[in-house]
Amino acid sequence: MPTSHVIAVKLKEDVDLAAARKLFERVYEFKEICKKPDDTTYVKAIRGGKQVTEGLLGQLAKGWEYAFLFAFESSTDLEYFLLKDPEHQKFAADFRPLLADAVALTFNDRTFD
């Protein structure tokens, strides 16, 4: 069953935004560089960017600054990505020091029970 994973982040106040931007650009490489042990790619789609709404709608963002949406064919692929993929592990090690906070949500499309 197709699985989506959303992560929203807040950066630390003293973060160099140019360095953060380089890391954000690396996210889009996951579709090509993240591979299962059998050498097949498995990240189906990636979307993301800076939170852009302002005013009342911007208040609903509760301070979350950036968000990314990842699509996978299955929850098994997502689990591999999060826990085992060496490219994701390297990225996470570089990215964690920049984070003030993060929230992640995972869902299967049209599953409500």
PDB file of N, CA and C in Angstrom:
ATOM      1  N   MET A   1       0.848  -1.178   0.000  1.00  0.00           N
ATOM      2  CA  MET A   1       0.000   0.000   0.000  1.00  0.00           C
ATOM      3  C   MET A   1       0.895   1.243   0.000  1.00  0.00           C
ATOM      4  N   PRO A   2       0.628   2.208  -0.887  1.00  0.00           N
ATOM      5  CA  PRO A   2       1.438   3.427  -0.918  1.00  0.00           C
ATOM      6  C   PRO A   2       1.447   4.132   0.434  1.00  0.00           C
ATOM      7  N   THR A   3       2.629   4.554   0.826  1.00  0.00           N
ATOM      8  CA  THR A   3       2.840   5.198   2.118  1.00  0.00           C
ATOM      9  C   THR A   3       3.490   6.550   1.907  1.00  0.00           C
ATOM     10  N   SER A   4       2.989   7.565   2.606  1.00  0.00           N
ATOM     11  CA  SER A   4       3.566   8.913   2.543  1.00  0.00           C
ATOM     12  C   SER A   4       4.137   9.271   3.904  1.00  0.00           C
ATOM     13  N   HIS A   5       5.221  10.024   3.866  1.00  0.00           N
ATOM     14  CA  HIS A   5       5.899  10.449   5.087  1.00  0.00           C
ATOM     15  C   HIS A   5       6.131  11.954   4.983  1.00  0.00           C
ATOM     16  N   VAL A   6       5.626  12.691   5.956  1.00  0.00           N
ATOM     17  CA  VAL A   6       5.757  14.148   5.978  1.00  0.00           C
ATOM     18  C   VAL A   6       6.628  14.522   7.168  1.00  0.00           C
ATOM     19  N   ILE A   7       7.596  15.390   6.928  1.00  0.00           N
ATOM     20  CA  ILE A   7       8.392  15.916   8.025  1.00  0.00           C
ATOM     21  C   ILE A   7       8.399  17.433   7.927  1.00  0.00           C
ATOM     22  N   ALA A   8       8.144  18.085   9.046  1.00  0.00           N
ATOM     23  CA  ALA A   8       8.214  19.545   9.136  1.00  0.00           C
ATOM     24  C   ALA A   8       9.290  19.879  10.154  1.00  0.00           C
ATOM     25  N   VAL A   9      10.052  20.929   9.863  1.00  0.00           N
ATOM     26  CA  VAL A   9      11.180  21.262  10.728  1.00  0.00           C
ATOM     27  C   VAL A   9      11.213  22.749  11.062  1.00  0.00           C
ATOM     28  N   LYS A  10      11.843  23.021  12.212  1.00  0.00           N
ATOM     29  CA  LYS A  10      12.223  24.367  12.620  1.00  0.00           C
ATOM     30  C   LYS A  10      13.733  24.326  12.797  1.00  0.00           C
ATOM     31  N   LEU A  11      14.405  25.322  12.240  1.00  0.00           N
ATOM     32  CA  LEU A  11      15.853  25.390  12.370  1.00  0.00           C
ATOM     33  C   LEU A  11      16.233  26.183  13.621  1.00  0.00           C
ATOM     34  N   LYS A  12      17.416  25.883  14.143  1.00  0.00           N
ATOM     35  CA  LYS A  12      17.943  26.676  15.247  1.00  0.00           C
ATOM     36  C   LYS A  12      18.148  28.102  14.755  1.00  0.00           C
ATOM     37  N   GLU A  13      18.044  29.052  15.671  1.00  0.00           N
ATOM     38  CA  GLU A  13      18.127  30.466  15.286  1.00  0.00           C
ATOM     39  C   GLU A  13      19.462  30.853  14.669  1.00  0.00           C
ATOM     40  N   ASP A  14      20.534  30.221  15.075  1.00  0.00           N
ATOM     41  CA  ASP A  14      21.864  30.605  14.595  1.00  0.00           C
ATOM     42  C   ASP A  14      22.334  29.807  13.372  1.00  0.00           C
ATOM     43  N   VAL A  15      21.450  29.077  12.739  1.00  0.00           N
ATOM     44  CA  VAL A  15      21.823  28.240  11.597  1.00  0.00           C
ATOM     45  C   VAL A  15      22.180  29.096  10.389  1.00  0.00           C
ATOM     46  N   ASP A  16      23.256  28.729   9.719  1.00  0.00           N
ATOM     47  CA  ASP A  16      23.655  29.344   8.463  1.00  0.00           C
ATOM     48  C   ASP A  16      22.672  28.860   7.395  1.00  0.00           C
ATOM     49  N   LEU A  17      21.853  29.767   6.869  1.00  0.00           N
ATOM     50  CA  LEU A  17      20.813  29.373   5.919  1.00  0.00           C
ATOM     51  C   LEU A  17      21.383  28.835   4.614  1.00  0.00           C
ATOM     52  N   ALA A  18      22.572  29.277   4.228  1.00  0.00           N
ATOM     53  CA  ALA A  18      23.199  28.732   3.018  1.00  0.00           C
ATOM     54  C   ALA A  18      23.549  27.259   3.232  1.00  0.00           C
ATOM     55  N   ALA A  19      24.020  26.915   4.408  1.00  0.00           N
ATOM     56  CA  ALA A  19      24.335  25.513   4.722  1.00  0.00           C
ATOM     57  C   ALA A  19      23.055  24.681   4.761  1.00  0.00           C
ATOM     58  N   ALA A  20      22.001  25.240   5.339  1.00  0.00           N
ATOM     59  CA  ALA A  20      20.719  24.530   5.387  1.00  0.00           C
ATOM     60  C   ALA A  20      20.190  24.303   3.976  1.00  0.00           C
ATOM     61  N   ARG A  21      20.325  25.298   3.122  1.00  0.00           N
ATOM     62  CA  ARG A  21      19.840  25.179   1.745  1.00  0.00           C
ATOM     63  C   ARG A  21      20.564  24.043   1.020  1.00  0.00           C
ATOM     64  N   LYS A  22      21.868  23.908   1.232  1.00  0.00           N
ATOM     65  CA  LYS A  22      22.625  22.815   0.604  1.00  0.00           C
ATOM     66  C   LYS A  22      22.086  21.466   1.064  1.00  0.00           C
ATOM     67  N   LEU A  23      21.768  21.357   2.339  1.00  0.00           N
ATOM     68  CA  LEU A  23      21.196  20.110   2.842  1.00  0.00           C
ATOM     69  C   LEU A  23      19.815  19.866   2.260  1.00  0.00           C
ATOM     70  N   PHE A  24      18.990  20.900   2.175  1.00  0.00           N
ATOM     71  CA  PHE A  24      17.658  20.744   1.596  1.00  0.00           C
ATOM     72  C   PHE A  24      17.753  20.257   0.146  1.00  0.00           C
ATOM     73  N   GLU A  25      18.716  20.764  -0.600  1.00  0.00           N
ATOM     74  CA  GLU A  25      18.887  20.320  -1.988  1.00  0.00           C
ATOM     75  C   GLU A  25      19.280  18.847  -2.045  1.00  0.00           C
ATOM     76  N   ARG A  26      20.037  18.379  -1.066  1.00  0.00           N
ATOM     77  CA  ARG A  26      20.423  16.961  -1.025  1.00  0.00           C
ATOM     78  C   ARG A  26      19.212  16.048  -0.878  1.00  0.00           C
ATOM     79  N   VAL A  27      18.162  16.546  -0.237  1.00  0.00           N
ATOM     80  CA  VAL A  27      16.955  15.739  -0.060  1.00  0.00           C
ATOM     81  C   VAL A  27      16.450  15.232  -1.402  1.00  0.00           C
ATOM     82  N   TYR A  28      16.500  16.076  -2.418  1.00  0.00           N
ATOM     83  CA  TYR A  28      15.967  15.701  -3.726  1.00  0.00           C
ATOM     84  C   TYR A  28      16.804  14.638  -4.426  1.00  0.00           C
ATOM     85  N   GLU A  29      18.020  14.409  -3.966  1.00  0.00           N
ATOM     86  CA  GLU A  29      18.867  13.361  -4.530  1.00  0.00           C
ATOM     87  C   GLU A  29      18.442  11.977  -4.049  1.00  0.00           C
ATOM     88  N   PHE A  30      17.681  11.904  -2.964  1.00  0.00           N
ATOM     89  CA  PHE A  30      17.296  10.603  -2.396  1.00  0.00           C
ATOM     90  C   PHE A  30      16.620   9.702  -3.421  1.00  0.00           C
ATOM     91  N   LYS A  31      15.873  10.291  -4.321  1.00  0.00           N
ATOM     92  CA  LYS A  31      15.134   9.486  -5.302  1.00  0.00           C
ATOM     93  C   LYS A  31      16.085   8.650  -6.168  1.00  0.00           C
ATOM     94  N   GLU A  32      17.292   9.174  -6.404  1.00  0.00           N
ATOM     95  CA  GLU A  32      18.269   8.460  -7.220  1.00  0.00           C
ATOM     96  C   GLU A  32      19.304   7.696  -6.392  1.00  0.00           C
ATOM     97  N   ILE A  33      19.692   8.226  -5.228  1.00  0.00           N
ATOM     98  CA  ILE A  33      20.814   7.619  -4.497  1.00  0.00           C
ATOM     99  C   ILE A  33      20.392   6.639  -3.411  1.00  0.00           C
ATOM    100  N   CYS A  34      19.157   6.691  -2.962  1.00  0.00           N
ATOM    101  CA  CYS A  34      18.704   5.744  -1.951  1.00  0.00           C
ATOM    102  C   CYS A  34      18.309   4.441  -2.654  1.00  0.00           C
ATOM    103  N   LYS A  35      19.001   3.374  -2.272  1.00  0.00           N
ATOM    104  CA  LYS A  35      18.771   2.085  -2.925  1.00  0.00           C
ATOM    105  C   LYS A  35      18.658   0.984  -1.888  1.00  0.00           C
ATOM    106  N   LYS A  36      17.825   0.024  -2.222  1.00  0.00           N
ATOM    107  CA  LYS A  36      17.700  -1.169  -1.388  1.00  0.00           C
ATOM    108  C   LYS A  36      18.941  -2.044  -1.587  1.00  0.00           C
ATOM    109  N   PRO A  37      19.113  -3.043  -0.738  1.00  0.00           N
ATOM    110  CA  PRO A  37      20.271  -3.934  -0.905  1.00  0.00           C
ATOM    111  C   PRO A  37      20.361  -4.583  -2.288  1.00  0.00           C
ATOM    112  N   ASP A  38      19.228  -4.741  -2.979  1.00  0.00           N
ATOM    113  CA  ASP A  38      19.263  -5.325  -4.326  1.00  0.00           C
ATOM    114  C   ASP A  38      19.570  -4.278  -5.403  1.00  0.00           C
ATOM    115  N   ASP A  39      19.941  -3.050  -4.969  1.00  0.00           N
ATOM    116  CA  ASP A  39      20.362  -1.943  -5.836  1.00  0.00           C
ATOM    117  C   ASP A  39      19.216  -1.260  -6.577  1.00  0.00           C
ATOM    118  N   THR A  40      17.971  -1.494  -6.169  1.00  0.00           N
ATOM    119  CA  THR A  40      16.837  -0.802  -6.788  1.00  0.00           C
ATOM    120  C   THR A  40      16.507   0.459  -5.999  1.00  0.00           C
ATOM    121  N   THR A  41      16.105   1.489  -6.715  1.00  0.00           N
ATOM    122  CA  THR A  41      15.654   2.706  -6.055  1.00  0.00           C
ATOM    123  C   THR A  41      14.235   2.483  -5.543  1.00  0.00           C
ATOM    124  N   TYR A  42      13.843   3.207  -4.505  1.00  0.00           N
ATOM    125  CA  TYR A  42      12.543   2.956  -3.907  1.00  0.00           C
ATOM    126  C   TYR A  42      11.826   4.209  -3.408  1.00  0.00           C
ATOM    127  N   VAL A  43      12.483   5.360  -3.389  1.00  0.00           N
ATOM    128  CA  VAL A  43      11.805   6.606  -3.038  1.00  0.00           C
ATOM    129  C   VAL A  43      11.060   7.042  -4.294  1.00  0.00           C
ATOM    130  N   LYS A  44       9.732   7.029  -4.236  1.00  0.00           N
ATOM    131  CA  LYS A  44       8.923   7.264  -5.437  1.00  0.00           C
ATOM    132  C   LYS A  44       8.774   8.742  -5.792  1.00  0.00           C
ATOM    133  N   ALA A  45       8.679   9.603  -4.789  1.00  0.00           N
ATOM    134  CA  ALA A  45       8.512  11.034  -5.063  1.00  0.00           C
ATOM    135  C   ALA A  45       8.933  11.830  -3.837  1.00  0.00           C
ATOM    136  N   ILE A  46       9.385  13.056  -4.099  1.00  0.00           N
ATOM    137  CA  ILE A  46       9.786  13.978  -3.032  1.00  0.00           C
ATOM    138  C   ILE A  46       9.280  15.355  -3.411  1.00  0.00           C
ATOM    139  N   ARG A  47       8.665  16.007  -2.456  1.00  0.00           N
ATOM    140  CA  ARG A  47       8.242  17.405  -2.615  1.00  0.00           C
ATOM    141  C   ARG A  47       8.593  18.124  -1.338  1.00  0.00           C
ATOM    142  N   GLY A  48       8.813  19.403  -1.414  1.00  0.00           N
ATOM    143  CA  GLY A  48       9.088  20.133  -0.182  1.00  0.00           C
ATOM    144  C   GLY A  48       9.491  21.566  -0.433  1.00  0.00           C
ATOM    145  N   GLY A  49       9.614  22.301   0.668  1.00  0.00           N
ATOM    146  CA  GLY A  49      10.035  23.691   0.575  1.00  0.00           C
ATOM    147  C   GLY A  49       9.719  24.461   1.841  1.00  0.00           C
ATOM    148  N   LYS A  50       9.863  25.768   1.725  1.00  0.00           N
ATOM    149  CA  LYS A  50       9.647  26.682   2.846  1.00  0.00           C
ATOM    150  C   LYS A  50       8.156  26.956   3.011  1.00  0.00           C
ATOM    151  N   GLN A  51       7.738  27.033   4.232  1.00  0.00           N
ATOM    152  CA  GLN A  51       6.354  27.400   4.551  1.00  0.00           C
ATOM    153  C   GLN A  51       6.152  28.840   4.103  1.00  0.00           C
ATOM    154  N   VAL A  52       5.138  29.102   3.285  1.00  0.00           N
ATOM    155  CA  VAL A  52       5.019  30.421   2.661  1.00  0.00           C
ATOM    156  C   VAL A  52       3.776  31.219   3.046  1.00  0.00           C
ATOM    157  N   THR A  53       2.799  30.610   3.717  1.00  0.00           N
ATOM    158  CA  THR A  53       1.592  31.377   4.029  1.00  0.00           C
ATOM    159  C   THR A  53       1.868  32.367   5.150  1.00  0.00           C
ATOM    160  N   GLU A  54       1.143  33.482   5.090  1.00  0.00           N
ATOM    161  CA  GLU A  54       1.297  34.546   6.079  1.00  0.00           C
ATOM    162  C   GLU A  54      -0.050  34.866   6.699  1.00  0.00           C
ATOM    163  N   GLY A  55      -0.043  35.776   7.626  1.00  0.00           N
ATOM    164  CA  GLY A  55      -1.280  36.203   8.262  1.00  0.00           C
ATOM    165  C   GLY A  55      -1.931  35.072   9.029  1.00  0.00           C
ATOM    166  N   LEU A  56      -3.261  35.030   9.000  1.00  0.00           N
ATOM    167  CA  LEU A  56      -4.006  34.030   9.754  1.00  0.00           C
ATOM    168  C   LEU A  56      -3.611  32.619   9.328  1.00  0.00           C
ATOM    169  N   LEU A  57      -3.496  32.364   8.033  1.00  0.00           N
ATOM    170  CA  LEU A  57      -3.099  31.033   7.570  1.00  0.00           C
ATOM    171  C   LEU A  57      -1.680  30.694   8.025  1.00  0.00           C
ATOM    172  N   GLY A  58      -0.812  31.676   8.031  1.00  0.00           N
ATOM    173  CA  GLY A  58       0.549  31.450   8.509  1.00  0.00           C
ATOM    174  C   GLY A  58       0.585  31.069   9.978  1.00  0.00           C
ATOM    175  N   GLN A  59      -0.346  31.607  10.762  1.00  0.00           N
ATOM    176  CA  GLN A  59      -0.412  31.256  12.179  1.00  0.00           C
ATOM    177  C   GLN A  59      -0.738  29.780  12.368  1.00  0.00           C
ATOM    178  N   LEU A  60      -1.482  29.213  11.435  1.00  0.00           N
ATOM    179  CA  LEU A  60      -1.818  27.794  11.520  1.00  0.00           C
ATOM    180  C   LEU A  60      -0.590  26.906  11.366  1.00  0.00           C
ATOM    181  N   ALA A  61       0.492  27.442  10.785  1.00  0.00           N
ATOM    182  CA  ALA A  61       1.726  26.672  10.612  1.00  0.00           C
ATOM    183  C   ALA A  61       2.466  26.484  11.936  1.00  0.00           C
ATOM    184  N   LYS A  62       2.080  27.222  12.969  1.00  0.00           N
ATOM    185  CA  LYS A  62       2.634  27.067  14.322  1.00  0.00           C
ATOM    186  C   LYS A  62       4.166  27.131  14.352  1.00  0.00           C
ATOM    187  N   GLY A  63       4.748  27.928  13.476  1.00  0.00           N
ATOM    188  CA  GLY A  63       6.193  28.123  13.499  1.00  0.00           C
ATOM    189  C   GLY A  63       6.998  27.117  12.700  1.00  0.00           C
ATOM    190  N   TRP A  64       6.353  26.116  12.106  1.00  0.00           N
ATOM    191  CA  TRP A  64       7.084  25.156  11.277  1.00  0.00           C
ATOM    192  C   TRP A  64       7.548  25.883  10.028  1.00  0.00           C
ATOM    193  N   GLU A  65       8.832  25.770   9.712  1.00  0.00           N
ATOM    194  CA  GLU A  65       9.439  26.585   8.657  1.00  0.00           C
ATOM    195  C   GLU A  65       9.563  25.871   7.308  1.00  0.00           C
ATOM    196  N   TYR A  66       9.861  24.587   7.331  1.00  0.00           N
ATOM    197  CA  TYR A  66      10.096  23.826   6.109  1.00  0.00           C
ATOM    198  C   TYR A  66       9.387  22.489   6.226  1.00  0.00           C
ATOM    199  N   ALA A  67       8.934  21.975   5.093  1.00  0.00           N
ATOM    200  CA  ALA A  67       8.264  20.675   5.116  1.00  0.00           C
ATOM    201  C   ALA A  67       8.651  19.885   3.877  1.00  0.00           C
ATOM    202  N   PHE A  68       8.696  18.561   4.060  1.00  0.00           N
ATOM    203  CA  PHE A  68       9.004  17.651   2.964  1.00  0.00           C
ATOM    204  C   PHE A  68       8.025  16.491   2.996  1.00  0.00           C
ATOM    205  N   LEU A  69       7.631  16.056   1.815  1.00  0.00           N
ATOM    206  CA  LEU A  69       6.731  14.918   1.657  1.00  0.00           C
ATOM    207  C   LEU A  69       7.444  13.868   0.808  1.00  0.00           C
ATOM    208  N   PHE A  70       7.529  12.660   1.347  1.00  0.00           N
ATOM    209  CA  PHE A  70       8.163  11.542   0.652  1.00  0.00           C
ATOM    210  C   PHE A  70       7.101  10.491   0.358  1.00  0.00           C
ATOM    211  N   ALA A  71       7.142   9.928  -0.835  1.00  0.00           N
ATOM    212  CA  ALA A  71       6.205   8.867  -1.208  1.00  0.00           C
ATOM    213  C   ALA A  71       6.976   7.565  -1.406  1.00  0.00           C
ATOM    214  N   PHE A  72       6.418   6.491  -0.841  1.00  0.00           N
ATOM    215  CA  PHE A  72       7.003   5.160  -0.933  1.00  0.00           C
ATOM    216  C   PHE A  72       5.926   4.184  -1.384  1.00  0.00           C
ATOM    217  N   GLU A  73       6.355   3.081  -1.955  1.00  0.00           N
ATOM    218  CA  GLU A  73       5.418   2.050  -2.389  1.00  0.00           C
ATOM    219  C   GLU A  73       4.792   1.324  -1.197  1.00  0.00           C
ATOM    220  N   SER A  74       5.527   1.293  -0.066  1.00  0.00           N
ATOM    221  CA  SER A  74       5.033   0.535   1.090  1.00  0.00           C
ATOM    222  C   SER A  74       5.641   1.071   2.385  1.00  0.00           C
ATOM    223  N   SER A  75       5.043   0.681   3.482  1.00  0.00           N
ATOM    224  CA  SER A  75       5.595   1.056   4.785  1.00  0.00           C
ATOM    225  C   SER A  75       6.929   0.356   5.033  1.00  0.00           C
ATOM    226  N   THR A  76       7.137  -0.796   4.406  1.00  0.00           N
ATOM    227  CA  THR A  76       8.418  -1.498   4.518  1.00  0.00           C
ATOM    228  C   THR A  76       9.534  -0.663   3.888  1.00  0.00           C
ATOM    229  N   ASP A  77       9.255  -0.040   2.744  1.00  0.00           N
ATOM    230  CA  ASP A  77      10.244   0.834   2.108  1.00  0.00           C
ATOM    231  C   ASP A  77      10.539   2.047   2.976  1.00  0.00           C
ATOM    232  N   LEU A  78       9.510   2.641   3.567  1.00  0.00           N
ATOM    233  CA  LEU A  78       9.721   3.773   4.467  1.00  0.00           C
ATOM    234  C   LEU A  78      10.579   3.355   5.660  1.00  0.00           C
ATOM    235  N   GLU A  79      10.292   2.220   6.232  1.00  0.00           N
ATOM    236  CA  GLU A  79      11.065   1.735   7.377  1.00  0.00           C
ATOM    237  C   GLU A  79      12.533   1.551   7.000  1.00  0.00           C
ATOM    238  N   TYR A  80      12.789   0.996   5.830  1.00  0.00           N
ATOM    239  CA  TYR A  80      14.165   0.852   5.374  1.00  0.00           C
ATOM    240  C   TYR A  80      14.834   2.221   5.242  1.00  0.00           C
ATOM    241  N   PHE A  81      14.129   3.169   4.644  1.00  0.00           N
ATOM    242  CA  PHE A  81      14.635   4.529   4.467  1.00  0.00           C
ATOM    243  C   PHE A  81      15.014   5.149   5.806  1.00  0.00           C
ATOM    244  N   LEU A  82      14.114   5.089   6.767  1.00  0.00           N
ATOM    245  CA  LEU A  82      14.332   5.747   8.053  1.00  0.00           C
ATOM    246  C   LEU A  82      15.400   5.072   8.907  1.00  0.00           C
ATOM    247  N   LEU A  83      15.445   3.760   8.881  1.00  0.00           N
ATOM    248  CA  LEU A  83      16.280   3.044   9.836  1.00  0.00           C
ATOM    249  C   LEU A  83      17.565   2.450   9.279  1.00  0.00           C
ATOM    250  N   LYS A  84      17.623   2.226   7.959  1.00  0.00           N
ATOM    251  CA  LYS A  84      18.767   1.479   7.432  1.00  0.00           C
ATOM    252  C   LYS A  84      19.491   2.115   6.258  1.00  0.00           C
ATOM    253  N   ASP A  85      18.817   2.903   5.462  1.00  0.00           N
ATOM    254  CA  ASP A  85      19.447   3.404   4.252  1.00  0.00           C
ATOM    255  C   ASP A  85      20.685   4.241   4.598  1.00  0.00           C
ATOM    256  N   PRO A  86      21.860   3.864   4.099  1.00  0.00           N
ATOM    257  CA  PRO A  86      23.074   4.591   4.470  1.00  0.00           C
ATOM    258  C   PRO A  86      23.086   6.043   3.988  1.00  0.00           C
ATOM    259  N   GLU A  87      22.492   6.336   2.840  1.00  0.00           N
ATOM    260  CA  GLU A  87      22.444   7.726   2.355  1.00  0.00           C
ATOM    261  C   GLU A  87      21.577   8.583   3.267  1.00  0.00           C
ATOM    262  N   HIS A  88      20.438   8.052   3.684  1.00  0.00           N
ATOM    263  CA  HIS A  88      19.581   8.801   4.598  1.00  0.00           C
ATOM    264  C   HIS A  88      20.257   8.960   5.958  1.00  0.00           C
ATOM    265  N   GLN A  89      20.938   7.932   6.423  1.00  0.00           N
ATOM    266  CA  GLN A  89      21.625   7.996   7.712  1.00  0.00           C
ATOM    267  C   GLN A  89      22.699   9.090   7.697  1.00  0.00           C
ATOM    268  N   LYS A  90      23.468   9.188   6.607  1.00  0.00           N
ATOM    269  CA  LYS A  90      24.490  10.244   6.493  1.00  0.00           C
ATOM    270  C   LYS A  90      23.832  11.620   6.503  1.00  0.00           C
ATOM    271  N   PHE A  91      22.751  11.746   5.743  1.00  0.00           N
ATOM    272  CA  PHE A  91      22.044  13.025   5.696  1.00  0.00           C
ATOM    273  C   PHE A  91      21.539  13.411   7.082  1.00  0.00           C
ATOM    274  N   ALA A  92      20.901  12.480   7.768  1.00  0.00           N
ATOM    275  CA  ALA A  92      20.327  12.765   9.087  1.00  0.00           C
ATOM    276  C   ALA A  92      21.407  13.204  10.071  1.00  0.00           C
ATOM    277  N   ALA A  93      22.573  12.594  10.006  1.00  0.00           N
ATOM    278  CA  ALA A  93      23.674  12.976  10.901  1.00  0.00           C
ATOM    279  C   ALA A  93      24.121  14.410  10.634  1.00  0.00           C
ATOM    280  N   ASP A  94      24.109  14.829   9.375  1.00  0.00           N
ATOM    281  CA  ASP A  94      24.477  16.205   9.036  1.00  0.00           C
ATOM    282  C   ASP A  94      23.373  17.192   9.378  1.00  0.00           C
ATOM    283  N   PHE A  95      22.119  16.753   9.299  1.00  0.00           N
ATOM    284  CA  PHE A  95      20.975  17.647   9.459  1.00  0.00           C
ATOM    285  C   PHE A  95      20.564  17.867  10.916  1.00  0.00           C
ATOM    286  N   ARG A  96      20.668  16.837  11.735  1.00  0.00           N
ATOM    287  CA  ARG A  96      20.213  16.934  13.136  1.00  0.00           C
ATOM    288  C   ARG A  96      20.779  18.137  13.890  1.00  0.00           C
ATOM    289  N   PRO A  97      22.072  18.465  13.731  1.00  0.00           N
ATOM    290  CA  PRO A  97      22.602  19.613  14.480  1.00  0.00           C
ATOM    291  C   PRO A  97      21.966  20.955  14.127  1.00  0.00           C
ATOM    292  N   LEU A  98      21.303  21.043  12.978  1.00  0.00           N
ATOM    293  CA  LEU A  98      20.661  22.295  12.564  1.00  0.00           C
ATOM    294  C   LEU A  98      19.248  22.449  13.121  1.00  0.00           C
ATOM    295  N   LEU A  99      18.680  21.368  13.630  1.00  0.00           N
ATOM    296  CA  LEU A  99      17.267  21.363  14.008  1.00  0.00           C
ATOM    297  C   LEU A  99      17.005  21.884  15.416  1.00  0.00           C
ATOM    298  N   ALA A 100      16.017  22.766  15.499  1.00  0.00           N
ATOM    299  CA  ALA A 100      15.468  23.151  16.797  1.00  0.00           C
ATOM    300  C   ALA A 100      14.359  22.177  17.168  1.00  0.00           C
ATOM    301  N   ASP A 101      13.613  21.721  16.149  1.00  0.00           N
ATOM    302  CA  ASP A 101      12.501  20.800  16.388  1.00  0.00           C
ATOM    303  C   ASP A 101      12.062  20.193  15.056  1.00  0.00           C
ATOM    304  N   ALA A 102      11.401  19.071  15.146  1.00  0.00           N
ATOM    305  CA  ALA A 102      10.862  18.417  13.957  1.00  0.00           C
ATOM    306  C   ALA A 102       9.628  17.622  14.350  1.00  0.00           C
ATOM    307  N   VAL A 103       8.743  17.445  13.394  1.00  0.00           N
ATOM    308  CA  VAL A 103       7.580  16.590  13.580  1.00  0.00           C
ATOM    309  C   VAL A 103       7.432  15.754  12.306  1.00  0.00           C
ATOM    310  N   ALA A 104       7.095  14.494  12.486  1.00  0.00           N
ATOM    311  CA  ALA A 104       6.937  13.604  11.340  1.00  0.00           C
ATOM    312  C   ALA A 104       5.600  12.886  11.433  1.00  0.00           C
ATOM    313  N   LEU A 105       4.960  12.744  10.299  1.00  0.00           N
ATOM    314  CA  LEU A 105       3.699  12.020  10.195  1.00  0.00           C
ATOM    315  C   LEU A 105       3.798  11.057   9.029  1.00  0.00           C
ATOM    316  N   THR A 106       3.225   9.887   9.202  1.00  0.00           N
ATOM    317  CA  THR A 106       3.204   8.889   8.147  1.00  0.00           C
ATOM    318  C   THR A 106       1.765   8.440   7.954  1.00  0.00           C
ATOM    319  N   PHE A 107       1.370   8.282   6.694  1.00  0.00           N
ATOM    320  CA  PHE A 107       0.009   7.818   6.452  1.00  0.00           C
ATOM    321  C   PHE A 107      -0.046   6.976   5.190  1.00  0.00           C
ATOM    322  N   ASN A 108      -1.028   6.094   5.155  1.00  0.00           N
ATOM    323  CA  ASN A 108      -1.369   5.330   3.963  1.00  0.00           C
ATOM    324  C   ASN A 108      -2.569   6.019   3.343  1.00  0.00           C
ATOM    325  N   ASP A 109      -2.504   6.280   2.050  1.00  0.00           N
ATOM    326  CA  ASP A 109      -3.536   7.033   1.355  1.00  0.00           C
ATOM    327  C   ASP A 109      -4.912   6.408   1.546  1.00  0.00           C
ATOM    328  N   ARG A 110      -5.855   7.251   1.928  1.00  0.00           N
ATOM    329  CA  ARG A 110      -7.268   6.888   2.092  1.00  0.00           C
ATOM    330  C   ARG A 110      -7.507   5.817   3.140  1.00  0.00           C
ATOM    331  N   THR A 111      -6.638   5.760   4.132  1.00  0.00           N
ATOM    332  CA  THR A 111      -6.834   4.835   5.252  1.00  0.00           C
ATOM    333  C   THR A 111      -7.262   5.674   6.462  1.00  0.00           C
ATOM    334  N   PHE A 112      -8.437   5.408   6.962  1.00  0.00           N
ATOM    335  CA  PHE A 112      -8.993   6.229   8.044  1.00  0.00           C
ATOM    336  C   PHE A 112      -9.409   5.413   9.255  1.00  0.00           C
ATOM    337  N   ASP A 113      -9.108   4.139   9.293  1.00  0.00           N
ATOM    338  CA  ASP A 113      -9.479   3.354  10.462  1.00  0.00           C
ATOM    339  C   ASP A 113      -8.352   2.427  10.850  1.00  0.00           C
TER     340      ASP A 113
END
